Amino acid sequence: MKKNLFFDVGRTLLYPTSGNWFITPNFYNILGEVDLDMIESAINKNLYLLDERNIITEDEEYDMFYNFYYKILKDIKYENLSDKIVSLVAYDCVYNDKKLTFYKDVKKELTELSKTCNLYIISNAWPSTNRILKNYGIFDLFKKIYISSEQGFIKEDKTLFEIALKDVEINDENYFIDDRVELLDISIQYGFIPIIIDRDKNKETSYVEIENLKDLRNVLKYYK
């Protein structure tokens, strides 16, 4: 019986370098001095503009983020608002791999896990995720990657789990590793064995809990 490990990406394999998914590496270099509280408030207000279901290419992702940042800067009444400024921020968001930082254990532990298990990704994300995984050298460790924007469904829609299960054998053991309890709750409905990863050590849950991927290898030993 095969073990299939389905990983989330954000806060599981990597995290936003700045601490905020939408404050890019060159954000302040491009914009100059801006009020962080106002920026974060405008980001939260405009999250509805980010389509996690229907973005297929990085060009489409760029267009989406252009509109997103334009609206944010307009909302905070940014004095130097221009097409060039918005373009620079949107480009930095989509094409700058440094916006994300992989946890130090990821490459080593995934390489070891891939020797005995089938690895997959199932994540609410956009096409640039594929490029970032490739550039980091771990893309080929995964048998298949299910990105919500490419599949047309987010994890909360549940259909994304159904799509993923079509590619595995009926008798396989399927594990879902995520940092969000509510998504683990959904995964159980489809027969996944839920494991919560708590990188920040701040979650309360009854699920099997790990803090890193080395812990995962130890946990899997109990499911022989």
N, C-alpha and C. Protein backbone atom coordinates (compact mmCIF):
# COMPACT_ATOMS: atom_id res chain seq x y z
N MET A 1 0.84 -1.20 0.00
CA MET A 1 0.00 0.00 0.00
C MET A 1 0.88 1.26 0.00
N LYS A 2 0.64 2.15 -0.93
CA LYS A 2 1.44 3.36 -1.05
C LYS A 2 0.97 4.43 -0.06
N LYS A 3 1.92 5.24 0.37
CA LYS A 3 1.60 6.42 1.15
C LYS A 3 1.68 7.62 0.22
N ASN A 4 0.59 8.36 0.11
CA ASN A 4 0.55 9.58 -0.67
C ASN A 4 0.48 10.77 0.28
N LEU A 5 1.44 11.66 0.17
CA LEU A 5 1.50 12.83 1.04
C LEU A 5 1.11 14.07 0.25
N PHE A 6 0.01 14.69 0.64
CA PHE A 6 -0.47 15.90 -0.02
C PHE A 6 -0.15 17.10 0.88
N PHE A 7 0.69 17.98 0.37
CA PHE A 7 1.17 19.13 1.16
C PHE A 7 0.48 20.42 0.72
N ASP A 8 0.15 21.24 1.70
CA ASP A 8 -0.13 22.64 1.45
C ASP A 8 1.22 23.32 1.16
N VAL A 9 1.19 24.57 0.72
CA VAL A 9 2.42 25.31 0.46
C VAL A 9 2.67 26.38 1.53
N GLY A 10 1.77 27.36 1.63
CA GLY A 10 1.97 28.46 2.55
C GLY A 10 1.96 28.04 4.01
N ARG A 11 2.97 28.46 4.76
CA ARG A 11 3.15 28.13 6.17
C ARG A 11 3.38 26.65 6.41
N THR A 12 3.57 25.91 5.32
CA THR A 12 3.89 24.49 5.40
C THR A 12 5.27 24.24 4.82
N LEU A 13 5.47 24.72 3.57
CA LEU A 13 6.77 24.61 2.92
C LEU A 13 7.52 25.94 2.90
N LEU A 14 6.77 27.04 2.91
CA LEU A 14 7.39 28.36 2.82
C LEU A 14 6.54 29.40 3.51
N TYR A 15 7.09 30.61 3.65
CA TYR A 15 6.37 31.69 4.31
C TYR A 15 6.74 33.01 3.63
N PRO A 16 5.92 34.06 3.82
CA PRO A 16 6.25 35.35 3.20
C PRO A 16 7.45 35.98 3.87
N THR A 17 8.43 36.34 3.09
CA THR A 17 9.68 36.89 3.63
C THR A 17 9.43 38.12 4.49
N SER A 18 8.51 38.97 4.07
CA SER A 18 8.23 40.21 4.80
C SER A 18 7.32 40.01 6.00
N GLY A 19 6.69 38.84 6.08
CA GLY A 19 5.70 38.60 7.11
C GLY A 19 4.29 38.81 6.61
N ASN A 20 4.14 39.44 5.46
CA ASN A 20 2.84 39.66 4.84
C ASN A 20 2.92 39.18 3.40
N TRP A 21 1.97 38.35 2.98
CA TRP A 21 2.01 37.76 1.64
C TRP A 21 2.05 38.81 0.53
N PHE A 22 1.57 40.01 0.80
CA PHE A 22 1.40 41.00 -0.26
C PHE A 22 2.32 42.22 -0.13
N ILE A 23 3.21 42.19 0.84
CA ILE A 23 4.25 43.22 0.92
C ILE A 23 5.51 42.62 0.33
N THR A 24 5.84 43.04 -0.86
CA THR A 24 6.89 42.40 -1.67
C THR A 24 8.28 42.85 -1.22
N PRO A 25 9.33 42.16 -1.69
CA PRO A 25 10.69 42.49 -1.26
C PRO A 25 11.09 43.95 -1.50
N ASN A 26 10.62 44.51 -2.61
CA ASN A 26 11.00 45.89 -2.96
C ASN A 26 9.86 46.88 -2.74
N PHE A 27 8.89 46.48 -1.97
CA PHE A 27 7.69 47.28 -1.75
C PHE A 27 8.02 48.71 -1.31
N TYR A 28 8.83 48.83 -0.26
CA TYR A 28 9.13 50.16 0.27
C TYR A 28 10.17 50.89 -0.58
N ASN A 29 11.02 50.15 -1.27
CA ASN A 29 11.96 50.80 -2.19
C ASN A 29 11.20 51.47 -3.33
N ILE A 30 10.12 50.85 -3.76
CA ILE A 30 9.32 51.39 -4.87
C ILE A 30 8.43 52.53 -4.41
N LEU A 31 7.78 52.33 -3.25
CA LEU A 31 6.76 53.29 -2.82
C LEU A 31 7.31 54.39 -1.92
N GLY A 32 8.45 54.14 -1.30
CA GLY A 32 8.94 55.11 -0.33
C GLY A 32 8.23 54.91 1.00
N GLU A 33 8.15 55.96 1.77
CA GLU A 33 7.55 55.86 3.10
C GLU A 33 6.02 55.85 3.00
N VAL A 34 5.43 54.75 3.46
CA VAL A 34 3.97 54.64 3.51
C VAL A 34 3.59 54.07 4.87
N ASP A 35 2.37 54.35 5.29
CA ASP A 35 1.90 53.91 6.60
C ASP A 35 1.53 52.43 6.55
N LEU A 36 2.20 51.60 7.34
CA LEU A 36 1.99 50.16 7.30
C LEU A 36 0.56 49.79 7.70
N ASP A 37 0.04 50.43 8.71
CA ASP A 37 -1.33 50.11 9.14
C ASP A 37 -2.33 50.40 8.04
N MET A 38 -2.14 51.52 7.34
CA MET A 38 -3.05 51.86 6.24
C MET A 38 -2.91 50.85 5.11
N ILE A 39 -1.67 50.45 4.82
CA ILE A 39 -1.45 49.46 3.76
C ILE A 39 -2.12 48.15 4.10
N GLU A 40 -1.92 47.66 5.31
CA GLU A 40 -2.49 46.38 5.70
C GLU A 40 -4.01 46.43 5.71
N SER A 41 -4.57 47.55 6.13
CA SER A 41 -6.03 47.72 6.11
C SER A 41 -6.55 47.68 4.67
N ALA A 42 -5.85 48.37 3.76
CA ALA A 42 -6.26 48.39 2.35
C ALA A 42 -6.09 47.02 1.71
N ILE A 43 -5.05 46.29 2.09
CA ILE A 43 -4.87 44.93 1.58
C ILE A 43 -6.05 44.06 1.97
N ASN A 44 -6.40 44.08 3.24
CA ASN A 44 -7.51 43.25 3.72
C ASN A 44 -8.83 43.64 3.07
N LYS A 45 -9.00 44.92 2.83
CA LYS A 45 -10.24 45.41 2.21
C LYS A 45 -10.37 44.91 0.77
N ASN A 46 -9.24 44.71 0.09
CA ASN A 46 -9.28 44.40 -1.34
C ASN A 46 -8.92 42.96 -1.69
N LEU A 47 -8.87 42.10 -0.69
CA LEU A 47 -8.56 40.70 -0.96
C LEU A 47 -9.56 40.05 -1.92
N TYR A 48 -10.77 40.60 -1.96
CA TYR A 48 -11.80 40.04 -2.85
C TYR A 48 -11.39 40.13 -4.32
N LEU A 49 -10.41 40.99 -4.63
CA LEU A 49 -9.97 41.14 -6.02
C LEU A 49 -9.05 40.00 -6.46
N LEU A 50 -8.59 39.21 -5.52
CA LEU A 50 -7.65 38.13 -5.84
C LEU A 50 -8.41 36.85 -6.13
N ASP A 51 -8.33 36.41 -7.37
CA ASP A 51 -9.05 35.24 -7.84
C ASP A 51 -8.17 34.01 -7.72
N GLU A 52 -8.52 33.12 -6.81
CA GLU A 52 -7.71 31.91 -6.60
C GLU A 52 -8.23 30.74 -7.44
N ARG A 53 -9.20 31.01 -8.33
CA ARG A 53 -9.82 29.91 -9.06
C ARG A 53 -9.59 29.94 -10.58
N ASN A 54 -9.30 31.07 -11.15
CA ASN A 54 -9.34 31.17 -12.61
C ASN A 54 -8.15 31.89 -13.22
N ILE A 55 -6.99 31.73 -12.64
CA ILE A 55 -5.78 32.37 -13.15
C ILE A 55 -4.84 31.26 -13.64
N ILE A 56 -4.60 31.21 -14.94
CA ILE A 56 -3.86 30.09 -15.52
C ILE A 56 -2.39 30.43 -15.78
N THR A 57 -2.11 31.64 -16.19
CA THR A 57 -0.75 32.02 -16.57
C THR A 57 -0.20 33.10 -15.63
N GLU A 58 1.11 33.26 -15.66
CA GLU A 58 1.72 34.32 -14.86
C GLU A 58 1.34 35.70 -15.38
N ASP A 59 1.09 35.81 -16.67
CA ASP A 59 0.63 37.10 -17.21
C ASP A 59 -0.72 37.47 -16.62
N GLU A 60 -1.61 36.49 -16.51
CA GLU A 60 -2.92 36.74 -15.89
C GLU A 60 -2.76 37.07 -14.41
N GLU A 61 -1.84 36.40 -13.78
CA GLU A 61 -1.55 36.67 -12.37
C GLU A 61 -1.06 38.11 -12.21
N TYR A 62 -0.17 38.53 -13.11
CA TYR A 62 0.33 39.91 -13.06
C TYR A 62 -0.81 40.91 -13.22
N ASP A 63 -1.69 40.69 -14.19
CA ASP A 63 -2.82 41.61 -14.41
C ASP A 63 -3.70 41.69 -13.16
N MET A 64 -3.92 40.55 -12.52
CA MET A 64 -4.74 40.52 -11.30
C MET A 64 -4.09 41.36 -10.21
N PHE A 65 -2.77 41.17 -10.03
CA PHE A 65 -2.10 41.91 -8.97
C PHE A 65 -1.93 43.39 -9.32
N TYR A 66 -1.85 43.71 -10.59
CA TYR A 66 -1.82 45.12 -10.99
C TYR A 66 -3.10 45.81 -10.48
N ASN A 67 -4.25 45.20 -10.76
CA ASN A 67 -5.52 45.77 -10.32
C ASN A 67 -5.59 45.85 -8.79
N PHE A 68 -5.06 44.83 -8.14
CA PHE A 68 -5.07 44.76 -6.68
C PHE A 68 -4.27 45.91 -6.08
N TYR A 69 -3.05 46.09 -6.56
CA TYR A 69 -2.20 47.14 -5.99
C TYR A 69 -2.67 48.54 -6.41
N TYR A 70 -3.22 48.65 -7.58
CA TYR A 70 -3.77 49.94 -7.98
C TYR A 70 -4.86 50.37 -7.00
N LYS A 71 -5.74 49.44 -6.68
CA LYS A 71 -6.85 49.74 -5.77
C LYS A 71 -6.32 50.06 -4.36
N ILE A 72 -5.31 49.34 -3.91
CA ILE A 72 -4.74 49.59 -2.59
C ILE A 72 -4.14 51.00 -2.53
N LEU A 73 -3.35 51.34 -3.51
CA LEU A 73 -2.69 52.65 -3.50
C LEU A 73 -3.70 53.79 -3.68
N LYS A 74 -4.73 53.51 -4.43
CA LYS A 74 -5.79 54.51 -4.57
C LYS A 74 -6.52 54.72 -3.25
N ASP A 75 -6.79 53.61 -2.54
CA ASP A 75 -7.51 53.69 -1.28
C ASP A 75 -6.75 54.45 -0.21
N ILE A 76 -5.43 54.34 -0.21
CA ILE A 76 -4.64 55.05 0.81
C ILE A 76 -4.25 56.45 0.34
N LYS A 77 -4.75 56.81 -0.87
CA LYS A 77 -4.47 58.13 -1.45
C LYS A 77 -2.96 58.35 -1.62
N TYR A 78 -2.32 57.36 -2.18
CA TYR A 78 -0.88 57.45 -2.43
C TYR A 78 -0.59 58.57 -3.43
N GLU A 79 0.26 59.51 -3.04
CA GLU A 79 0.45 60.74 -3.80
C GLU A 79 1.06 60.51 -5.18
N ASN A 80 1.95 59.54 -5.30
CA ASN A 80 2.67 59.34 -6.56
C ASN A 80 2.11 58.19 -7.39
N LEU A 81 0.82 57.96 -7.25
CA LEU A 81 0.17 56.87 -7.98
C LEU A 81 0.34 57.05 -9.49
N SER A 82 0.88 56.00 -10.13
CA SER A 82 1.07 56.04 -11.58
C SER A 82 1.10 54.60 -12.10
N ASP A 83 0.95 54.46 -13.40
CA ASP A 83 1.03 53.14 -14.01
C ASP A 83 2.38 52.49 -13.73
N LYS A 84 3.45 53.26 -13.80
CA LYS A 84 4.79 52.72 -13.59
C LYS A 84 4.95 52.17 -12.18
N ILE A 85 4.48 52.93 -11.18
CA ILE A 85 4.60 52.51 -9.79
C ILE A 85 3.82 51.21 -9.56
N VAL A 86 2.59 51.19 -10.02
CA VAL A 86 1.76 50.00 -9.83
C VAL A 86 2.37 48.79 -10.54
N SER A 87 2.88 49.02 -11.74
CA SER A 87 3.50 47.94 -12.52
C SER A 87 4.70 47.36 -11.79
N LEU A 88 5.52 48.23 -11.19
CA LEU A 88 6.71 47.77 -10.48
C LEU A 88 6.34 46.89 -9.28
N VAL A 89 5.32 47.30 -8.54
CA VAL A 89 4.92 46.52 -7.37
C VAL A 89 4.30 45.19 -7.79
N ALA A 90 3.44 45.22 -8.81
CA ALA A 90 2.81 43.99 -9.29
C ALA A 90 3.86 43.02 -9.83
N TYR A 91 4.83 43.55 -10.55
CA TYR A 91 5.91 42.71 -11.10
C TYR A 91 6.71 42.08 -9.96
N ASP A 92 7.00 42.87 -8.94
CA ASP A 92 7.76 42.38 -7.80
C ASP A 92 7.01 41.26 -7.09
N CYS A 93 5.70 41.38 -7.05
CA CYS A 93 4.88 40.37 -6.38
C CYS A 93 4.87 39.05 -7.15
N VAL A 94 4.75 39.12 -8.45
CA VAL A 94 4.59 37.91 -9.26
C VAL A 94 5.92 37.26 -9.61
N TYR A 95 6.92 38.06 -9.94
CA TYR A 95 8.15 37.53 -10.54
C TYR A 95 9.38 37.52 -9.63
N ASN A 96 9.26 38.03 -8.44
CA ASN A 96 10.41 38.04 -7.54
C ASN A 96 10.31 36.87 -6.55
N ASP A 97 11.10 35.84 -6.76
CA ASP A 97 11.07 34.66 -5.90
C ASP A 97 11.42 34.98 -4.46
N LYS A 98 12.12 36.07 -4.25
CA LYS A 98 12.56 36.41 -2.89
C LYS A 98 11.40 36.83 -1.99
N LYS A 99 10.21 36.98 -2.56
CA LYS A 99 9.05 37.32 -1.74
C LYS A 99 8.70 36.18 -0.79
N LEU A 100 9.17 34.98 -1.11
CA LEU A 100 8.88 33.80 -0.30
C LEU A 100 10.18 33.16 0.18
N THR A 101 10.14 32.61 1.37
CA THR A 101 11.31 31.93 1.94
C THR A 101 10.91 30.51 2.33
N PHE A 102 11.67 29.55 1.87
CA PHE A 102 11.40 28.16 2.23
C PHE A 102 11.95 27.87 3.63
N TYR A 103 11.21 27.08 4.38
CA TYR A 103 11.74 26.62 5.66
C TYR A 103 12.98 25.77 5.40
N LYS A 104 13.93 25.84 6.32
CA LYS A 104 15.24 25.24 6.10
C LYS A 104 15.20 23.73 5.92
N ASP A 105 14.19 23.08 6.47
CA ASP A 105 14.13 21.62 6.41
C ASP A 105 13.52 21.08 5.12
N VAL A 106 12.93 21.94 4.31
CA VAL A 106 12.07 21.51 3.22
C VAL A 106 12.79 20.64 2.19
N LYS A 107 13.87 21.13 1.62
CA LYS A 107 14.51 20.39 0.53
C LYS A 107 15.03 19.04 1.01
N LYS A 108 15.71 19.02 2.14
CA LYS A 108 16.28 17.78 2.65
C LYS A 108 15.20 16.77 3.00
N GLU A 109 14.19 17.19 3.72
CA GLU A 109 13.17 16.26 4.20
C GLU A 109 12.27 15.77 3.07
N LEU A 110 11.93 16.65 2.13
CA LEU A 110 11.11 16.21 1.00
C LEU A 110 11.88 15.21 0.14
N THR A 111 13.16 15.45 -0.02
CA THR A 111 13.99 14.50 -0.78
C THR A 111 13.96 13.12 -0.14
N GLU A 112 14.07 13.07 1.18
CA GLU A 112 14.03 11.79 1.89
C GLU A 112 12.64 11.17 1.80
N LEU A 113 11.61 11.95 1.98
CA LEU A 113 10.24 11.44 1.93
C LEU A 113 9.90 10.89 0.54
N SER A 114 10.45 11.52 -0.50
CA SER A 114 10.14 11.10 -1.87
C SER A 114 10.68 9.71 -2.19
N LYS A 115 11.60 9.22 -1.37
CA LYS A 115 12.18 7.90 -1.60
C LYS A 115 11.22 6.78 -1.21
N THR A 116 10.28 7.07 -0.32
CA THR A 116 9.36 6.03 0.16
C THR A 116 7.89 6.37 -0.03
N CYS A 117 7.59 7.62 -0.37
CA CYS A 117 6.20 8.06 -0.51
C CYS A 117 6.02 8.83 -1.82
N ASN A 118 4.78 8.91 -2.27
CA ASN A 118 4.44 9.79 -3.39
C ASN A 118 4.09 11.16 -2.82
N LEU A 119 4.72 12.18 -3.36
CA LEU A 119 4.49 13.54 -2.87
C LEU A 119 3.61 14.33 -3.85
N TYR A 120 2.67 15.08 -3.28
CA TYR A 120 1.79 15.94 -4.06
C TYR A 120 1.67 17.29 -3.35
N ILE A 121 1.22 18.28 -4.09
CA ILE A 121 0.84 19.56 -3.50
C ILE A 121 -0.61 19.82 -3.83
N ILE A 122 -1.34 20.30 -2.84
CA ILE A 122 -2.71 20.76 -3.07
C ILE A 122 -2.84 22.08 -2.30
N SER A 123 -2.93 23.18 -3.04
CA SER A 123 -2.78 24.49 -2.40
C SER A 123 -3.61 25.57 -3.09
N ASN A 124 -4.11 26.49 -2.27
CA ASN A 124 -4.71 27.71 -2.80
C ASN A 124 -3.57 28.65 -3.18
N ALA A 125 -3.32 28.77 -4.46
CA ALA A 125 -2.16 29.54 -4.90
C ALA A 125 -2.33 29.93 -6.36
N TRP A 126 -1.28 30.59 -6.89
CA TRP A 126 -1.30 31.06 -8.27
C TRP A 126 -0.16 30.45 -9.08
N PRO A 127 -0.16 30.63 -10.40
CA PRO A 127 0.82 29.96 -11.26
C PRO A 127 2.28 30.19 -10.91
N SER A 128 2.63 31.35 -10.38
CA SER A 128 4.02 31.62 -10.05
C SER A 128 4.58 30.64 -9.02
N THR A 129 3.68 29.98 -8.30
CA THR A 129 4.12 28.97 -7.33
C THR A 129 4.93 27.88 -8.02
N ASN A 130 4.50 27.48 -9.22
CA ASN A 130 5.23 26.44 -9.96
C ASN A 130 6.66 26.87 -10.26
N ARG A 131 6.83 28.10 -10.70
CA ARG A 131 8.17 28.61 -11.02
C ARG A 131 9.04 28.65 -9.78
N ILE A 132 8.47 29.10 -8.69
CA ILE A 132 9.23 29.21 -7.44
C ILE A 132 9.68 27.84 -6.95
N LEU A 133 8.81 26.84 -7.07
CA LEU A 133 9.18 25.48 -6.69
C LEU A 133 10.30 24.94 -7.59
N LYS A 134 10.20 25.25 -8.88
CA LYS A 134 11.24 24.81 -9.83
C LYS A 134 12.57 25.47 -9.52
N ASN A 135 12.55 26.78 -9.30
CA ASN A 135 13.79 27.50 -9.05
C ASN A 135 14.45 27.06 -7.75
N TYR A 136 13.66 26.59 -6.81
CA TYR A 136 14.21 26.11 -5.54
C TYR A 136 14.71 24.67 -5.64
N GLY A 137 14.34 24.01 -6.74
CA GLY A 137 14.85 22.66 -6.98
C GLY A 137 14.05 21.54 -6.37
N ILE A 138 12.75 21.77 -6.07
CA ILE A 138 11.94 20.71 -5.47
C ILE A 138 10.72 20.33 -6.31
N PHE A 139 10.50 21.04 -7.40
CA PHE A 139 9.31 20.79 -8.23
C PHE A 139 9.21 19.32 -8.65
N ASP A 140 10.32 18.75 -9.07
CA ASP A 140 10.31 17.38 -9.60
C ASP A 140 10.18 16.31 -8.53
N LEU A 141 10.21 16.71 -7.26
CA LEU A 141 9.98 15.74 -6.18
C LEU A 141 8.50 15.35 -6.08
N PHE A 142 7.65 16.19 -6.67
CA PHE A 142 6.21 15.97 -6.55
C PHE A 142 5.67 15.24 -7.77
N LYS A 143 4.83 14.25 -7.50
CA LYS A 143 4.23 13.48 -8.58
C LYS A 143 3.23 14.34 -9.36
N LYS A 144 2.52 15.20 -8.64
CA LYS A 144 1.60 16.13 -9.29
C LYS A 144 1.33 17.29 -8.34
N ILE A 145 1.08 18.45 -8.93
CA ILE A 145 0.83 19.67 -8.16
C ILE A 145 -0.53 20.23 -8.56
N TYR A 146 -1.38 20.40 -7.56
CA TYR A 146 -2.73 20.92 -7.79
C TYR A 146 -2.80 22.34 -7.22
N ILE A 147 -2.74 23.31 -8.12
CA ILE A 147 -2.83 24.72 -7.74
C ILE A 147 -4.27 25.19 -8.00
N SER A 148 -4.87 25.80 -7.01
CA SER A 148 -6.29 26.15 -7.10
C SER A 148 -6.62 26.98 -8.33
N SER A 149 -5.79 27.98 -8.63
CA SER A 149 -6.12 28.87 -9.75
C SER A 149 -6.08 28.15 -11.09
N GLU A 150 -5.29 27.08 -11.17
CA GLU A 150 -5.20 26.31 -12.41
C GLU A 150 -6.31 25.26 -12.51
N GLN A 151 -6.75 24.78 -11.36
CA GLN A 151 -7.78 23.74 -11.34
C GLN A 151 -9.21 24.31 -11.36
N GLY A 152 -9.33 25.58 -11.00
CA GLY A 152 -10.65 26.21 -11.00
C GLY A 152 -11.41 26.07 -9.70
N PHE A 153 -10.76 25.55 -8.66
CA PHE A 153 -11.40 25.37 -7.37
C PHE A 153 -10.38 25.62 -6.26
N ILE A 154 -10.83 26.21 -5.15
CA ILE A 154 -9.99 26.31 -3.98
C ILE A 154 -10.31 25.15 -3.04
N LYS A 155 -9.47 24.94 -2.04
CA LYS A 155 -9.67 23.81 -1.14
C LYS A 155 -11.02 23.88 -0.44
N GLU A 156 -11.45 25.09 -0.11
CA GLU A 156 -12.73 25.25 0.57
C GLU A 156 -13.90 24.78 -0.28
N ASP A 157 -13.71 24.73 -1.60
CA ASP A 157 -14.78 24.25 -2.49
C ASP A 157 -14.95 22.74 -2.42
N LYS A 158 -14.00 22.05 -1.83
CA LYS A 158 -13.98 20.60 -1.67
C LYS A 158 -13.67 19.85 -2.96
N THR A 159 -14.07 20.40 -4.09
CA THR A 159 -13.85 19.73 -5.37
C THR A 159 -12.38 19.49 -5.65
N LEU A 160 -11.53 20.35 -5.13
CA LEU A 160 -10.09 20.20 -5.35
C LEU A 160 -9.59 18.89 -4.75
N PHE A 161 -10.16 18.48 -3.64
CA PHE A 161 -9.78 17.19 -3.05
C PHE A 161 -10.26 16.03 -3.93
N GLU A 162 -11.44 16.18 -4.50
CA GLU A 162 -11.98 15.14 -5.39
C GLU A 162 -11.09 14.97 -6.62
N ILE A 163 -10.64 16.08 -7.17
CA ILE A 163 -9.76 16.03 -8.34
C ILE A 163 -8.46 15.30 -8.01
N ALA A 164 -7.90 15.62 -6.86
CA ALA A 164 -6.63 15.01 -6.46
C ALA A 164 -6.77 13.50 -6.27
N LEU A 165 -7.88 13.07 -5.73
CA LEU A 165 -8.06 11.65 -5.45
C LEU A 165 -8.24 10.81 -6.71
N LYS A 166 -8.56 11.45 -7.81
CA LYS A 166 -8.70 10.70 -9.07
C LYS A 166 -7.35 10.15 -9.56
N ASP A 167 -6.26 10.70 -9.05
CA ASP A 167 -4.93 10.31 -9.52
C ASP A 167 -4.22 9.32 -8.60
N VAL A 168 -4.93 8.81 -7.59
CA VAL A 168 -4.30 7.84 -6.68
C VAL A 168 -5.12 6.56 -6.67
N GLU A 169 -4.50 5.48 -6.21
CA GLU A 169 -5.19 4.20 -6.13
C GLU A 169 -6.15 4.19 -4.96
N ILE A 170 -7.24 3.45 -5.10
CA ILE A 170 -8.31 3.47 -4.11
C ILE A 170 -7.86 2.96 -2.75
N ASN A 171 -6.88 2.06 -2.73
CA ASN A 171 -6.44 1.48 -1.46
C ASN A 171 -5.23 2.18 -0.86
N ASP A 172 -4.79 3.26 -1.47
CA ASP A 172 -3.64 3.99 -0.95
C ASP A 172 -3.97 4.69 0.36
N GLU A 173 -2.94 4.97 1.14
CA GLU A 173 -3.08 5.82 2.32
C GLU A 173 -2.79 7.25 1.90
N ASN A 174 -3.75 8.14 2.09
CA ASN A 174 -3.60 9.53 1.66
C ASN A 174 -3.54 10.45 2.88
N TYR A 175 -2.45 11.17 3.00
CA TYR A 175 -2.25 12.08 4.11
C TYR A 175 -2.34 13.52 3.60
N PHE A 176 -2.95 14.38 4.41
CA PHE A 176 -3.02 15.79 4.04
C PHE A 176 -2.34 16.60 5.14
N ILE A 177 -1.32 17.35 4.75
CA ILE A 177 -0.53 18.14 5.70
C ILE A 177 -0.78 19.62 5.43
N ASP A 178 -1.39 20.29 6.39
CA ASP A 178 -1.78 21.69 6.22
C ASP A 178 -1.66 22.39 7.56
N ASP A 179 -1.67 23.73 7.52
CA ASP A 179 -1.57 24.50 8.75
C ASP A 179 -2.92 25.03 9.22
N ARG A 180 -3.98 24.69 8.50
CA ARG A 180 -5.31 25.22 8.85
C ARG A 180 -6.26 24.09 9.22
N VAL A 181 -6.81 24.19 10.44
CA VAL A 181 -7.67 23.14 10.97
C VAL A 181 -8.91 22.94 10.11
N GLU A 182 -9.50 24.05 9.63
CA GLU A 182 -10.74 23.93 8.87
C GLU A 182 -10.55 23.18 7.56
N LEU A 183 -9.35 23.24 6.99
CA LEU A 183 -9.10 22.50 5.76
C LEU A 183 -8.82 21.03 6.04
N LEU A 184 -8.23 20.75 7.17
CA LEU A 184 -8.08 19.36 7.59
C LEU A 184 -9.45 18.74 7.84
N ASP A 185 -10.36 19.53 8.40
CA ASP A 185 -11.73 19.05 8.62
C ASP A 185 -12.36 18.60 7.31
N ILE A 186 -12.16 19.39 6.25
CA ILE A 186 -12.71 19.04 4.94
C ILE A 186 -12.04 17.79 4.39
N SER A 187 -10.73 17.70 4.56
CA SER A 187 -10.00 16.56 3.98
C SER A 187 -10.47 15.23 4.55
N ILE A 188 -10.88 15.22 5.80
CA ILE A 188 -11.36 13.98 6.43
C ILE A 188 -12.57 13.43 5.69
N GLN A 189 -13.40 14.32 5.17
CA GLN A 189 -14.60 13.89 4.44
C GLN A 189 -14.24 13.07 3.20
N TYR A 190 -13.01 13.19 2.73
CA TYR A 190 -12.58 12.47 1.53
C TYR A 190 -11.58 11.36 1.86
N GLY A 191 -11.51 11.01 3.13
CA GLY A 191 -10.70 9.87 3.52
C GLY A 191 -9.23 10.17 3.77
N PHE A 192 -8.86 11.43 3.78
CA PHE A 192 -7.47 11.78 4.07
C PHE A 192 -7.17 11.59 5.56
N ILE A 193 -5.95 11.22 5.85
CA ILE A 193 -5.46 11.21 7.23
C ILE A 193 -4.88 12.59 7.50
N PRO A 194 -5.47 13.37 8.41
CA PRO A 194 -5.06 14.76 8.60
C PRO A 194 -3.87 14.90 9.54
N ILE A 195 -2.94 15.74 9.15
CA ILE A 195 -1.80 16.09 10.00
C ILE A 195 -1.63 17.60 9.95
N ILE A 196 -1.67 18.23 11.10
CA ILE A 196 -1.50 19.68 11.11
C ILE A 196 -0.03 20.03 11.35
N ILE A 197 0.46 20.95 10.55
CA ILE A 197 1.83 21.43 10.75
C ILE A 197 1.76 22.81 11.40
N ASP A 198 2.43 22.92 12.52
CA ASP A 198 2.36 24.15 13.31
C ASP A 198 3.76 24.75 13.41
N ARG A 199 4.17 25.41 12.35
CA ARG A 199 5.51 25.99 12.29
C ARG A 199 5.72 27.07 13.36
N ASP A 200 4.64 27.78 13.71
CA ASP A 200 4.76 28.89 14.65
C ASP A 200 4.42 28.48 16.08
N LYS A 201 4.08 27.23 16.27
CA LYS A 201 3.81 26.67 17.61
C LYS A 201 2.73 27.46 18.35
N ASN A 202 1.62 27.71 17.66
CA ASN A 202 0.56 28.49 18.29
C ASN A 202 -0.84 27.94 18.04
N LYS A 203 -0.94 26.68 17.66
CA LYS A 203 -2.25 26.11 17.33
C LYS A 203 -2.72 25.14 18.42
N GLU A 204 -4.03 25.13 18.62
CA GLU A 204 -4.65 24.17 19.52
C GLU A 204 -5.55 23.26 18.69
N THR A 205 -5.26 21.98 18.71
CA THR A 205 -6.00 21.04 17.86
C THR A 205 -5.89 19.63 18.42
N SER A 206 -6.85 18.81 18.06
CA SER A 206 -6.81 17.40 18.46
C SER A 206 -6.16 16.54 17.39
N TYR A 207 -5.81 17.16 16.26
CA TYR A 207 -5.17 16.41 15.18
C TYR A 207 -3.72 16.06 15.54
N VAL A 208 -3.22 15.04 14.87
CA VAL A 208 -1.79 14.75 14.97
C VAL A 208 -1.04 16.00 14.53
N GLU A 209 -0.09 16.42 15.35
CA GLU A 209 0.56 17.72 15.12
C GLU A 209 2.07 17.54 14.93
N ILE A 210 2.60 18.26 13.95
CA ILE A 210 4.04 18.29 13.74
C ILE A 210 4.48 19.75 13.67
N GLU A 211 5.75 19.98 13.97
CA GLU A 211 6.29 21.33 13.89
C GLU A 211 7.19 21.52 12.68
N ASN A 212 7.61 20.40 12.08
CA ASN A 212 8.50 20.47 10.92
C ASN A 212 8.39 19.16 10.15
N LEU A 213 9.08 19.06 9.04
CA LEU A 213 8.96 17.88 8.19
C LEU A 213 9.74 16.69 8.72
N LYS A 214 10.72 16.93 9.55
CA LYS A 214 11.40 15.81 10.20
C LYS A 214 10.43 15.10 11.13
N ASP A 215 9.60 15.87 11.83
CA ASP A 215 8.56 15.29 12.67
C ASP A 215 7.64 14.40 11.84
N LEU A 216 7.36 14.83 10.62
CA LEU A 216 6.46 14.07 9.75
C LEU A 216 7.02 12.68 9.48
N ARG A 217 8.30 12.61 9.20
CA ARG A 217 8.90 11.29 8.95
C ARG A 217 8.75 10.38 10.16
N ASN A 218 8.87 10.96 11.35
CA ASN A 218 8.71 10.17 12.56
C ASN A 218 7.26 9.72 12.75
N VAL A 219 6.31 10.61 12.47
CA VAL A 219 4.90 10.29 12.60
C VAL A 219 4.50 9.16 11.65
N LEU A 220 5.00 9.20 10.43
CA LEU A 220 4.63 8.20 9.43
C LEU A 220 5.05 6.78 9.83
N LYS A 221 6.02 6.68 10.69
CA LYS A 221 6.47 5.36 11.13
C LYS A 221 5.37 4.63 11.91
N TYR A 222 4.45 5.40 12.50
CA TYR A 222 3.38 4.80 13.28
C TYR A 222 2.19 4.36 12.42
N TYR A 223 2.27 4.66 11.12
CA TYR A 223 1.17 4.30 10.22
C TYR A 223 1.57 3.17 9.30
N LYS A 224 2.46 2.31 9.73
CA LYS A 224 2.89 1.19 8.89
C LYS A 224 1.81 0.13 8.83
